[in-house]
Amino acid sequence: MTGVVYFVGAGPGDPELLTVRAVRLLRAADVVVYAGSLVPPAVLEVCRPETERIDSAPLTLEEILAHLIRAARAGRVVVRLHSGDPSLYSALHEQLAALRDRGIPYEVVPGVSAFQAAAARLGVELTVPGLVQTVILTRAQGATPVPGSEALEALGSHRASLCVYLSGARAREVQRSLLPSYGPGSPVAVACRVGWPDERVEVAELRHLEEVVARMGVRRTVLFLASPALDAPPGARSRLYAPEFGHSFRRRSRPS
């Protein structure tokens, strides 16, 4: 394990949502580089007391890489701890590219993402048969540009389960962009700091999204979730377990 940099998903904030592999690596880590603004202190309690902890929140990419490279070349077990899942909005790409250029081995360990934790908290399935079968993960345009083909207006036209990250300060833009496709009365969830002790999750009509966000007073670590699944009829049912539907593990039942 020594000399390898492990990019580990910390999940949305609840330490109990860490994967078994994430816990094992955190317990073995000599050095943990984490974003203090996004990873709650309770997650780091898994580490040994002697583990070196480096908060990356005030650091540049170059400074973060310097810590990772130094520790890896010293033969230490290094964990780069990302909130949620490293494959989403984590600046993972440029970190991996830099380690490859320097010949430093790495491994990526997935984690639970905020959209999954929010759906669980809401008690909904995001792919309801006959209603919605697609989940889109995206963000509103901000300091980081979004390709024109991925504008919220274009993605909203699919009326899929649309999960909008990193856009808490752009509630007005999100509302305006989604109204033509979803309609003013469609439900949208505002999930803030899901998995943290102070998490807040509310569901409102899309027409009221901006005012609900203003009332909640949230701007960071917010996920918007617009989906027909939030208002799914109780009779919706998958064909997978229907008696008249057979597959390789179950014979089709004959009508009585």
Protein backbone atom coordinates (compact mmCIF):
# COMPACT_ATOMS: atom_id res chain seq x y z
CA MET A 1 0.00 0.00 0.00
CA THR A 2 2.91 2.38 0.63
CA GLY A 3 3.84 4.89 -2.04
CA VAL A 4 0.34 4.82 -3.52
CA VAL A 5 -2.06 7.75 -3.48
CA TYR A 6 -5.64 6.63 -2.81
CA PHE A 7 -8.36 8.98 -3.98
CA VAL A 8 -11.22 8.07 -1.68
CA GLY A 9 -14.86 9.13 -1.79
CA ALA A 10 -15.94 10.27 1.67
CA GLY A 11 -19.63 10.19 0.84
CA PRO A 12 -21.97 13.12 1.48
CA GLY A 13 -20.99 13.64 5.13
CA ASP A 14 -22.38 10.85 7.28
CA PRO A 15 -19.45 8.68 8.48
CA GLU A 16 -21.74 5.64 8.36
CA LEU A 17 -21.99 6.09 4.59
CA LEU A 18 -18.26 5.51 4.12
CA THR A 19 -17.55 2.30 2.23
CA VAL A 20 -15.78 -0.52 4.02
CA ARG A 21 -12.75 0.02 1.77
CA ALA A 22 -12.72 3.75 2.56
CA VAL A 23 -12.67 3.02 6.30
CA ARG A 24 -9.85 0.50 5.87
CA LEU A 25 -7.72 2.97 3.92
CA LEU A 26 -8.37 5.83 6.33
CA ARG A 27 -7.30 3.62 9.24
CA ALA A 28 -4.12 2.66 7.41
CA ALA A 29 -3.30 6.17 6.15
CA ASP A 30 -0.13 7.97 7.24
CA VAL A 31 -1.26 11.17 5.48
CA VAL A 32 -4.79 12.35 4.67
CA VAL A 33 -5.33 15.38 2.44
CA TYR A 34 -8.96 16.49 2.70
CA ALA A 35 -11.15 19.52 2.00
CA GLY A 36 -12.11 20.83 5.42
CA SER A 37 -14.93 22.88 3.94
CA LEU A 38 -16.61 19.75 2.51
CA VAL A 39 -15.59 16.82 4.70
CA PRO A 40 -16.99 16.90 8.26
CA PRO A 41 -14.63 16.26 11.20
CA ALA A 42 -16.53 13.08 12.15
CA VAL A 43 -15.25 11.36 9.00
CA LEU A 44 -11.64 11.94 10.06
CA GLU A 45 -12.26 10.29 13.43
CA VAL A 46 -11.74 7.00 11.58
CA CYS A 47 -8.03 7.87 11.21
CA ARG A 48 -5.34 6.97 13.73
CA PRO A 49 -4.30 9.77 16.13
CA GLU A 50 -0.83 9.95 14.57
CA THR A 51 -2.12 10.36 11.01
CA GLU A 52 -0.99 13.62 9.43
CA ARG A 53 -4.06 15.62 8.39
CA ILE A 54 -3.76 18.35 5.75
CA ASP A 55 -6.72 20.61 4.98
CA SER A 56 -6.72 21.34 1.24
CA ALA A 57 -9.41 24.05 1.39
CA PRO A 58 -6.91 26.96 1.38
CA LEU A 59 -4.44 25.28 -0.98
CA THR A 60 -3.88 25.52 -4.74
CA LEU A 61 -3.66 22.46 -6.96
CA GLU A 62 0.14 22.76 -7.03
CA GLU A 63 0.32 22.87 -3.22
CA ILE A 64 -1.98 19.85 -2.91
CA LEU A 65 0.11 17.89 -5.39
CA ALA A 66 3.29 18.78 -3.52
CA HIS A 67 1.91 17.15 -0.37
CA LEU A 68 0.73 14.04 -2.23
CA ILE A 69 4.00 13.59 -4.11
CA ARG A 70 6.17 14.21 -1.05
CA ALA A 71 4.32 11.65 1.04
CA ALA A 72 4.12 9.04 -1.72
CA ARG A 73 7.83 9.28 -2.52
CA ALA A 74 8.56 8.88 1.18
CA GLY A 75 6.76 5.53 1.03
CA ARG A 76 3.81 6.59 3.14
CA VAL A 77 0.18 5.52 2.75
CA VAL A 78 -1.55 8.58 1.28
CA VAL A 79 -5.30 9.22 1.12
CA ARG A 80 -6.69 12.12 -0.86
CA LEU A 81 -10.19 12.36 0.62
CA HIS A 82 -12.90 13.81 -1.61
CA SER A 83 -16.46 14.59 -0.56
CA GLY A 84 -19.14 12.49 -2.26
CA ASP A 85 -17.76 10.43 -5.13
CA PRO A 86 -14.42 11.37 -6.73
CA SER A 87 -15.82 10.98 -10.25
CA LEU A 88 -18.08 14.04 -9.84
CA TYR A 89 -16.90 17.66 -9.58
CA SER A 90 -13.77 16.76 -7.65
CA ALA A 91 -10.93 18.16 -9.82
CA LEU A 92 -9.79 14.53 -9.99
CA HIS A 93 -8.73 14.64 -13.63
CA GLU A 94 -5.86 17.09 -13.21
CA GLN A 95 -4.58 15.39 -10.06
CA LEU A 96 -4.39 12.00 -11.73
CA ALA A 97 -2.70 13.49 -14.79
CA ALA A 98 -0.01 15.07 -12.61
CA LEU A 99 0.66 11.82 -10.74
CA ARG A 100 0.89 9.86 -13.99
CA ASP A 101 3.43 12.35 -15.32
CA ARG A 102 5.57 11.72 -12.25
CA GLY A 103 5.18 7.95 -12.26
CA ILE A 104 3.34 7.81 -8.93
CA PRO A 105 0.78 5.00 -8.67
CA TYR A 106 -2.75 5.78 -7.56
CA GLU A 107 -6.12 4.14 -7.04
CA VAL A 108 -9.63 5.63 -7.01
CA VAL A 109 -12.17 4.39 -4.46
CA PRO A 110 -15.79 5.38 -5.15
CA GLY A 111 -18.13 6.90 -2.59
CA VAL A 112 -21.81 7.67 -2.12
CA SER A 113 -22.82 10.84 -3.97
CA ALA A 114 -25.14 13.56 -2.68
CA PHE A 115 -27.83 12.75 -5.24
CA GLN A 116 -28.04 9.20 -3.89
CA ALA A 117 -28.17 10.36 -0.28
CA ALA A 118 -30.83 12.96 -1.15
CA ALA A 119 -33.00 10.38 -2.93
CA ALA A 120 -32.69 8.08 0.08
CA ARG A 121 -33.64 10.86 2.45
CA LEU A 122 -36.66 11.67 0.28
CA GLY A 123 -37.60 8.00 0.04
CA VAL A 124 -37.86 8.01 -3.76
CA GLU A 125 -36.64 5.92 -6.66
CA LEU A 126 -35.29 8.18 -9.39
CA THR A 127 -36.15 5.70 -12.16
CA VAL A 128 -39.86 4.94 -11.79
CA PRO A 129 -41.21 2.56 -14.47
CA GLY A 130 -43.44 4.23 -17.03
CA LEU A 131 -42.56 7.68 -15.69
CA VAL A 132 -38.83 8.39 -15.79
CA GLN A 133 -35.88 6.15 -16.66
CA THR A 134 -32.99 8.61 -16.90
CA VAL A 135 -30.90 10.42 -14.29
CA ILE A 136 -28.88 13.49 -15.31
CA LEU A 137 -26.13 14.94 -13.11
CA THR A 138 -25.17 18.49 -14.01
CA ARG A 139 -24.54 22.02 -12.75
CA ALA A 140 -25.47 25.56 -13.70
CA GLN A 141 -22.82 27.62 -15.43
CA GLY A 142 -20.62 29.61 -13.11
CA ALA A 143 -16.88 30.24 -12.88
CA THR A 144 -16.45 26.91 -14.65
CA PRO A 145 -18.15 27.11 -18.07
CA VAL A 146 -20.72 24.56 -19.23
CA PRO A 147 -20.85 23.43 -22.90
CA GLY A 148 -23.77 24.99 -24.73
CA SER A 149 -25.27 21.58 -25.48
CA GLU A 150 -25.45 20.95 -21.73
CA ALA A 151 -27.34 24.12 -20.78
CA LEU A 152 -30.05 23.54 -18.18
CA GLU A 153 -32.75 24.45 -20.70
CA ALA A 154 -31.56 21.69 -23.04
CA LEU A 155 -31.19 19.05 -20.32
CA GLY A 156 -34.53 20.00 -18.77
CA SER A 157 -36.32 19.24 -22.03
CA HIS A 158 -35.84 15.52 -21.30
CA ARG A 159 -37.89 15.78 -18.08
CA ALA A 160 -35.53 13.26 -16.53
CA SER A 161 -34.51 13.07 -12.89
CA LEU A 162 -32.28 16.14 -13.02
CA CYS A 163 -29.72 16.58 -10.23
CA VAL A 164 -28.14 20.04 -10.24
CA TYR A 165 -24.94 20.36 -8.22
CA LEU A 166 -22.92 23.41 -7.16
CA SER A 167 -25.69 25.87 -7.99
CA GLY A 168 -27.14 26.97 -4.66
CA ALA A 169 -26.33 30.61 -5.41
CA ARG A 170 -28.06 30.33 -8.80
CA ALA A 171 -31.55 29.29 -7.74
CA ARG A 172 -33.15 31.97 -9.93
CA GLU A 173 -31.30 30.73 -13.00
CA VAL A 174 -32.16 27.10 -12.25
CA GLN A 175 -35.83 27.97 -11.76
CA ARG A 176 -36.03 30.04 -14.93
CA SER A 177 -34.25 27.37 -16.99
CA LEU A 178 -36.43 24.47 -15.86
CA LEU A 179 -39.86 26.10 -15.82
CA PRO A 180 -40.59 25.63 -19.56
CA SER A 181 -40.03 21.86 -19.39
CA TYR A 182 -41.08 20.81 -15.91
CA GLY A 183 -43.84 23.35 -15.34
CA PRO A 184 -44.43 25.72 -12.41
CA GLY A 185 -46.20 23.20 -10.19
CA SER A 186 -43.70 20.36 -10.54
CA PRO A 187 -41.86 19.33 -7.37
CA VAL A 188 -38.21 20.13 -6.82
CA ALA A 189 -36.14 19.18 -3.79
CA VAL A 190 -33.58 21.45 -2.15
CA ALA A 191 -31.05 19.30 -0.31
CA CYS A 192 -28.41 21.12 1.72
CA ARG A 193 -25.49 19.40 3.50
CA VAL A 194 -27.05 15.97 3.12
CA GLY A 195 -25.57 13.58 5.65
CA TRP A 196 -24.26 16.34 7.95
CA PRO A 197 -25.78 16.85 11.42
CA ASP A 198 -27.37 20.11 10.21
CA GLU A 199 -28.75 18.76 6.90
CA ARG A 200 -31.86 20.39 5.48
CA VAL A 201 -34.09 18.91 2.81
CA GLU A 202 -37.27 20.57 1.54
CA VAL A 203 -39.57 19.93 -1.41
CA ALA A 204 -41.34 22.84 -3.09
CA GLU A 205 -43.07 23.66 -6.34
CA LEU A 206 -40.62 24.79 -8.98
CA ARG A 207 -42.29 28.20 -9.22
CA HIS A 208 -41.26 28.84 -5.60
CA LEU A 209 -37.68 27.52 -5.79
CA GLU A 210 -35.94 30.89 -5.56
CA GLU A 211 -37.96 32.06 -2.58
CA VAL A 212 -37.56 28.74 -0.75
CA VAL A 213 -33.78 28.87 -1.15
CA ALA A 214 -33.78 32.48 0.08
CA ARG A 215 -35.87 31.52 3.12
CA MET A 216 -33.59 28.59 3.92
CA GLY A 217 -30.58 30.90 3.61
CA VAL A 218 -28.46 28.31 1.81
CA ARG A 219 -25.89 28.88 -0.93
CA ARG A 220 -23.18 26.20 -0.57
CA THR A 221 -23.30 22.39 -0.59
CA VAL A 222 -26.77 22.49 -2.12
CA LEU A 223 -28.25 19.97 -4.54
CA PHE A 224 -31.40 20.68 -6.55
CA LEU A 225 -33.37 17.62 -7.60
CA ALA A 226 -36.17 18.01 -10.13
CA SER A 227 -37.94 14.83 -11.11
CA PRO A 228 -41.35 13.38 -11.96
CA ALA A 229 -40.38 10.69 -9.44
CA LEU A 230 -41.00 13.15 -6.60
CA ASP A 231 -44.69 13.01 -7.43
CA ALA A 232 -44.97 9.45 -8.75
CA PRO A 233 -48.37 7.72 -8.60
CA PRO A 234 -48.50 4.91 -6.01
CA GLY A 235 -49.52 2.34 -8.62
CA ALA A 236 -46.32 2.58 -10.66
CA ARG A 237 -44.73 -0.85 -10.82
CA SER A 238 -41.69 -2.47 -12.39
CA ARG A 239 -42.16 -5.36 -14.79
CA LEU A 240 -39.24 -7.13 -13.12
CA TYR A 241 -41.37 -8.71 -10.38
CA ALA A 242 -44.67 -8.94 -12.26
CA PRO A 243 -46.10 -12.50 -12.14
CA GLU A 244 -46.65 -12.58 -15.89
CA PHE A 245 -43.06 -11.57 -16.61
CA GLY A 246 -40.56 -14.42 -16.73
CA HIS A 247 -36.79 -14.38 -16.94
CA SER A 248 -33.83 -16.73 -16.48
CA PHE A 249 -34.33 -16.85 -12.71
CA ARG A 250 -38.14 -17.14 -12.53
CA ARG A 251 -40.79 -18.74 -14.68
CA ARG A 252 -43.75 -16.71 -15.85
CA SER A 253 -46.93 -17.41 -13.88
CA ARG A 254 -49.89 -18.65 -15.85
CA PRO A 255 -53.23 -16.86 -15.39
CA SER A 256 -55.49 -18.75 -13.01
